[in-house]
Amino acid sequence: MRIIKSIKEMKKLSLDNRSLGFVPTLGGLHDGHLHLVRASLKKCDKTVVSIFLNPTQFNDELDLMTYPANLDEDIKKLESLGVDFLFTPQKDDIYPDGYKFKVEELEDSKILEGEKRPGHFDGVLTIVMKLLNIVSPKIAFFGKKDFQQYTLIKKMSQDFFMDCEIVALDTIREESGLAMSSRNEKLDPRARENAAKFYQALKKKNSCEEIKQELKGYGFDVEYVEDWNGRRLGAINYEGVRLIDNVSI
């Protein structure tokens, strides 16, 4: 696996490879990320994975500081899969102007996650546009766990006539049903097992309000449970860890 740190080098490589698959990540890779990587390896001639802990999408400084990422471990996982290129840019290279320019969506980014995490989607859309412009992939792969994020990225790509197909794959879950997330590592084994009740409740055909009350009964601090774009989305805080999930309705 070739590790690339320079934007200039990554752009040159993109010109030389016209069928790139791309999986952008924050790091802290788990089986959900690796599922996306495998899909890219299967579908595309070459695969690029990026690891960049993007500060502009964190509205909570503590969340950024405690994000569970280990670059050495991530490299081992990607090498074992046979990934072609790992792109690890630096903050000053990605944001040479100090984040003076950003991408902002004015409707769907202001609800649900956008309402609870002001500025979050500005940071997400900005970094994804930057990375897509640098890597120039044919296909970029995202997970449905972040369904609102995927929807916004797909619309952004369409609205700006970007020459990249945005593909979403189903959420990968732990044996308990808990959606795989880097933040799961912050939970102790007991809490991790109990957190699976979040998914089990979302799957029920009860009303959103009934599900909220059920989740509160399990000791979760419920931020929202709402139906949107054919899916039921929820966010909770549990044992100091924020978790999101969604199911089809």
Protein backbone atom coordinates (compact mmCIF):
# COMPACT_ATOMS: atom_id res chain seq x y z
CA MET A 1 0.00 0.00 0.00
CA ARG A 2 1.34 3.39 -0.97
CA ILE A 3 0.88 6.10 1.66
CA ILE A 4 0.43 9.59 0.22
CA LYS A 5 0.61 12.73 2.36
CA SER A 6 0.90 15.41 -0.32
CA ILE A 7 -2.16 16.86 -2.07
CA LYS A 8 -0.05 17.50 -5.17
CA GLU A 9 1.05 13.87 -5.27
CA MET A 10 -2.51 12.64 -4.74
CA LYS A 11 -3.83 14.81 -7.58
CA LYS A 12 -1.13 13.54 -9.94
CA LEU A 13 -1.93 9.97 -9.05
CA SER A 14 -5.62 10.65 -9.73
CA LEU A 15 -4.80 11.81 -13.25
CA ASP A 16 -2.96 8.55 -13.87
CA ASN A 17 -5.81 6.34 -12.57
CA ARG A 18 -9.22 6.92 -14.12
CA SER A 19 -11.17 4.22 -12.26
CA LEU A 20 -10.54 5.04 -8.63
CA GLY A 21 -12.81 3.96 -5.80
CA PHE A 22 -12.68 6.17 -2.71
CA VAL A 23 -13.53 5.65 0.96
CA PRO A 24 -13.09 8.82 3.08
CA THR A 25 -12.72 8.24 6.83
CA LEU A 26 -11.83 9.99 10.07
CA GLY A 27 -9.74 7.01 11.17
CA GLY A 28 -10.53 4.57 13.96
CA LEU A 29 -11.37 1.97 11.34
CA HIS A 30 -13.83 -0.82 12.16
CA ASP A 31 -15.64 -3.48 10.16
CA GLY A 32 -18.15 -0.91 8.89
CA HIS A 33 -15.35 1.03 7.21
CA LEU A 34 -13.72 -2.15 5.96
CA HIS A 35 -17.02 -3.24 4.39
CA LEU A 36 -16.90 -0.06 2.29
CA VAL A 37 -13.27 -0.71 1.40
CA ARG A 38 -14.02 -4.25 0.25
CA ALA A 39 -16.83 -2.96 -1.96
CA SER A 40 -14.46 -0.49 -3.58
CA LEU A 41 -11.76 -3.11 -4.09
CA LYS A 42 -14.30 -5.36 -5.77
CA LYS A 43 -15.86 -2.72 -8.02
CA CYS A 44 -12.97 -0.42 -8.95
CA ASP A 45 -9.56 -0.84 -10.56
CA LYS A 46 -7.77 0.94 -7.71
CA THR A 47 -8.91 2.04 -4.24
CA VAL A 48 -7.97 5.11 -2.22
CA VAL A 49 -8.79 5.38 1.48
CA SER A 50 -8.31 8.71 3.22
CA ILE A 51 -7.73 9.16 6.93
CA PHE A 52 -8.17 12.74 8.07
CA LEU A 53 -9.61 13.69 11.46
CA ASN A 54 -11.48 16.69 10.14
CA PRO A 55 -11.78 19.36 12.87
CA THR A 56 -14.42 21.47 11.12
CA GLN A 57 -17.17 18.85 11.51
CA PHE A 58 -16.80 18.64 15.29
CA ASN A 59 -18.97 21.07 17.23
CA ASP A 60 -17.63 19.63 20.49
CA GLU A 61 -13.90 20.09 21.11
CA LEU A 62 -13.84 17.23 23.64
CA ASP A 63 -15.38 14.88 21.09
CA LEU A 64 -12.59 15.76 18.66
CA MET A 65 -9.87 15.34 21.27
CA THR A 66 -11.14 11.93 22.42
CA TYR A 67 -12.00 10.48 19.02
CA PRO A 68 -10.63 6.91 19.06
CA ALA A 69 -8.16 6.73 16.19
CA ASN A 70 -4.91 4.78 15.86
CA LEU A 71 -3.12 5.33 12.56
CA ASP A 72 -0.72 2.39 12.93
CA GLU A 73 -3.59 -0.02 13.56
CA ASP A 74 -5.59 1.47 10.69
CA ILE A 75 -2.65 1.02 8.31
CA LYS A 76 -2.36 -2.67 9.25
CA LYS A 77 -6.07 -3.23 8.56
CA LEU A 78 -5.91 -1.54 5.17
CA GLU A 79 -2.74 -3.35 4.16
CA SER A 80 -4.33 -6.69 5.04
CA LEU A 81 -7.14 -5.96 2.58
CA GLY A 82 -4.80 -4.98 -0.23
CA VAL A 83 -5.73 -1.30 -0.45
CA ASP A 84 -3.76 0.49 -3.17
CA PHE A 85 -3.41 4.00 -1.71
CA LEU A 86 -3.82 5.62 1.70
CA PHE A 87 -4.16 9.41 1.65
CA THR A 88 -3.26 11.13 4.95
CA PRO A 89 -3.22 14.90 4.40
CA GLN A 90 -2.37 17.47 7.06
CA LYS A 91 -4.78 20.07 8.42
CA ASP A 92 -2.75 23.05 7.16
CA ASP A 93 -2.72 21.60 3.66
CA ILE A 94 -6.46 20.90 3.62
CA TYR A 95 -7.33 24.29 5.17
CA PRO A 96 -4.57 26.66 3.98
CA ASP A 97 -6.89 29.65 4.47
CA GLY A 98 -8.05 28.62 7.92
CA TYR A 99 -11.55 27.53 6.81
CA LYS A 100 -12.62 30.87 5.34
CA PHE A 101 -14.54 29.12 2.57
CA LYS A 102 -17.10 26.41 3.27
CA VAL A 103 -20.01 24.54 1.70
CA GLU A 104 -23.38 25.20 3.33
CA GLU A 105 -26.71 23.51 2.57
CA LEU A 106 -29.69 25.59 3.73
CA GLU A 107 -32.51 23.12 4.42
CA ASP A 108 -31.85 19.44 5.13
CA SER A 109 -28.61 20.20 6.96
CA LYS A 110 -30.47 22.27 9.58
CA ILE A 111 -32.62 19.45 10.99
CA LEU A 112 -31.88 16.31 13.01
CA GLU A 113 -28.06 16.07 13.27
CA GLY A 114 -27.70 19.58 11.89
CA GLU A 115 -29.96 21.03 14.56
CA LYS A 116 -28.21 19.19 17.39
CA ARG A 117 -24.69 19.81 16.04
CA PRO A 118 -24.56 23.35 14.60
CA GLY A 119 -22.01 23.67 11.82
CA HIS A 120 -21.43 19.92 11.63
CA PHE A 121 -22.67 19.46 8.08
CA ASP A 122 -20.86 22.57 6.85
CA GLY A 123 -17.66 20.84 7.92
CA VAL A 124 -18.70 17.49 6.45
CA LEU A 125 -19.72 18.88 3.06
CA THR A 126 -16.65 21.09 2.85
CA ILE A 127 -14.17 18.30 3.57
CA VAL A 128 -15.94 15.84 1.27
CA MET A 129 -15.94 18.35 -1.60
CA LYS A 130 -12.24 19.05 -1.02
CA LEU A 131 -11.39 15.35 -0.94
CA LEU A 132 -13.46 14.54 -4.02
CA ASN A 133 -11.71 17.36 -5.89
CA ILE A 134 -8.30 16.08 -4.80
CA VAL A 135 -8.84 12.35 -5.37
CA SER A 136 -11.19 12.61 -8.39
CA PRO A 137 -12.68 9.15 -7.85
CA LYS A 138 -15.12 7.43 -10.15
CA ILE A 139 -17.09 6.13 -7.14
CA ALA A 140 -17.11 7.19 -3.47
CA PHE A 141 -18.51 4.83 -0.84
CA PHE A 142 -20.44 5.83 2.29
CA GLY A 143 -22.38 3.94 4.97
CA LYS A 144 -26.10 4.30 5.63
CA LYS A 145 -25.53 4.62 9.37
CA ASP A 146 -24.91 8.30 8.64
CA PHE A 147 -27.99 8.45 6.40
CA GLN A 148 -28.54 12.21 6.61
CA GLN A 149 -24.88 12.79 5.79
CA TYR A 150 -25.03 10.43 2.81
CA THR A 151 -28.18 12.15 1.50
CA LEU A 152 -26.56 15.60 1.71
CA ILE A 153 -23.33 14.44 0.06
CA LYS A 154 -25.23 12.82 -2.79
CA LYS A 155 -27.28 15.99 -3.36
CA MET A 156 -24.15 18.15 -3.21
CA SER A 157 -22.44 15.98 -5.81
CA GLN A 158 -25.46 16.25 -8.09
CA ASP A 159 -26.04 19.97 -7.61
CA PHE A 160 -22.39 20.86 -8.31
CA PHE A 161 -22.22 18.49 -11.32
CA MET A 162 -19.38 16.53 -9.75
CA ASP A 163 -18.17 13.61 -11.84
CA CYS A 164 -18.41 11.04 -9.07
CA GLU A 165 -21.00 8.39 -8.24
CA ILE A 166 -21.98 8.43 -4.56
CA VAL A 167 -22.79 4.92 -3.33
CA ALA A 168 -24.30 3.99 0.06
CA LEU A 169 -24.00 0.55 1.65
CA ASP A 170 -26.10 -0.90 4.46
CA THR A 171 -25.05 -0.41 8.07
CA ILE A 172 -22.76 -3.10 9.47
CA ARG A 173 -23.75 -4.15 12.97
CA GLU A 174 -22.23 -5.92 15.92
CA GLU A 175 -23.70 -9.29 16.88
CA SER A 176 -25.98 -7.50 19.35
CA GLY A 177 -27.41 -5.27 16.61
CA LEU A 178 -25.53 -2.14 17.68
CA ALA A 179 -24.43 -0.16 14.64
CA MET A 180 -20.66 -0.29 14.28
CA SER A 181 -19.05 3.02 15.16
CA SER A 182 -15.61 4.17 16.24
CA ARG A 183 -17.27 5.68 19.30
CA ASN A 184 -18.44 2.25 20.47
CA GLU A 185 -14.89 1.76 21.76
CA LYS A 186 -15.64 4.35 24.45
CA LEU A 187 -18.30 2.07 25.99
CA ASP A 188 -17.43 -0.62 28.52
CA PRO A 189 -18.68 -4.15 27.64
CA ARG A 190 -21.84 -3.88 29.76
CA ALA A 191 -22.82 -0.51 28.31
CA ARG A 192 -21.97 -1.67 24.80
CA GLU A 193 -24.34 -4.60 25.11
CA ASN A 194 -27.11 -2.46 26.60
CA ALA A 195 -26.71 0.14 23.85
CA ALA A 196 -28.04 -2.43 21.36
CA LYS A 197 -31.51 -1.69 22.74
CA PHE A 198 -31.33 1.54 20.74
CA TYR A 199 -31.52 -0.36 17.45
CA GLN A 200 -34.08 -2.84 18.75
CA ALA A 201 -36.41 0.03 19.74
CA LEU A 202 -36.02 1.88 16.43
CA LYS A 203 -37.11 -1.26 14.54
CA LYS A 204 -40.48 -1.39 16.28
CA LYS A 205 -43.60 -0.13 14.55
CA ASN A 206 -44.45 2.14 17.45
CA SER A 207 -44.71 5.91 17.05
CA CYS A 208 -41.61 8.06 17.39
CA GLU A 209 -42.87 9.38 20.71
CA GLU A 210 -43.44 5.87 22.05
CA ILE A 211 -39.94 4.87 21.04
CA LYS A 212 -38.49 7.96 22.73
CA GLN A 213 -40.20 6.98 25.98
CA GLU A 214 -38.97 3.40 25.69
CA LEU A 215 -35.39 4.57 25.16
CA LYS A 216 -35.61 6.91 28.14
CA GLY A 217 -36.73 3.93 30.19
CA TYR A 218 -33.48 2.18 29.32
CA GLY A 219 -31.54 5.11 30.76
CA PHE A 220 -30.67 6.77 27.43
CA ASP A 221 -30.66 10.54 27.02
CA VAL A 222 -32.70 10.87 23.81
CA GLU A 223 -31.88 13.76 21.46
CA TYR A 224 -34.35 12.84 18.73
CA VAL A 225 -36.31 10.05 17.06
CA GLU A 226 -37.87 11.21 13.79
CA ASP A 227 -39.05 9.84 10.47
CA TRP A 228 -37.34 11.41 7.46
CA ASN A 229 -36.93 10.41 3.82
CA GLY A 230 -38.29 6.91 4.31
CA ARG A 231 -36.20 6.11 7.37
CA ARG A 232 -36.52 6.43 11.13
CA LEU A 233 -33.48 8.25 12.53
CA GLY A 234 -32.42 8.57 16.14
CA ALA A 235 -29.65 9.97 18.32
CA ILE A 236 -28.97 9.19 21.96
CA ASN A 237 -26.35 9.87 24.60
CA TYR A 238 -25.40 6.96 26.83
CA GLU A 239 -22.58 6.67 29.35
CA GLY A 240 -21.04 9.84 27.93
CA VAL A 241 -21.08 8.54 24.34
CA ARG A 242 -23.26 9.90 21.54
CA LEU A 243 -24.72 7.26 19.22
CA ILE A 244 -26.81 7.59 16.06
CA ASP A 245 -28.70 4.98 14.06
CA ASN A 246 -31.52 4.63 11.55
CA VAL A 247 -33.76 1.97 10.03
CA SER A 248 -35.94 1.77 6.94
CA ILE A 249 -39.68 2.35 7.46
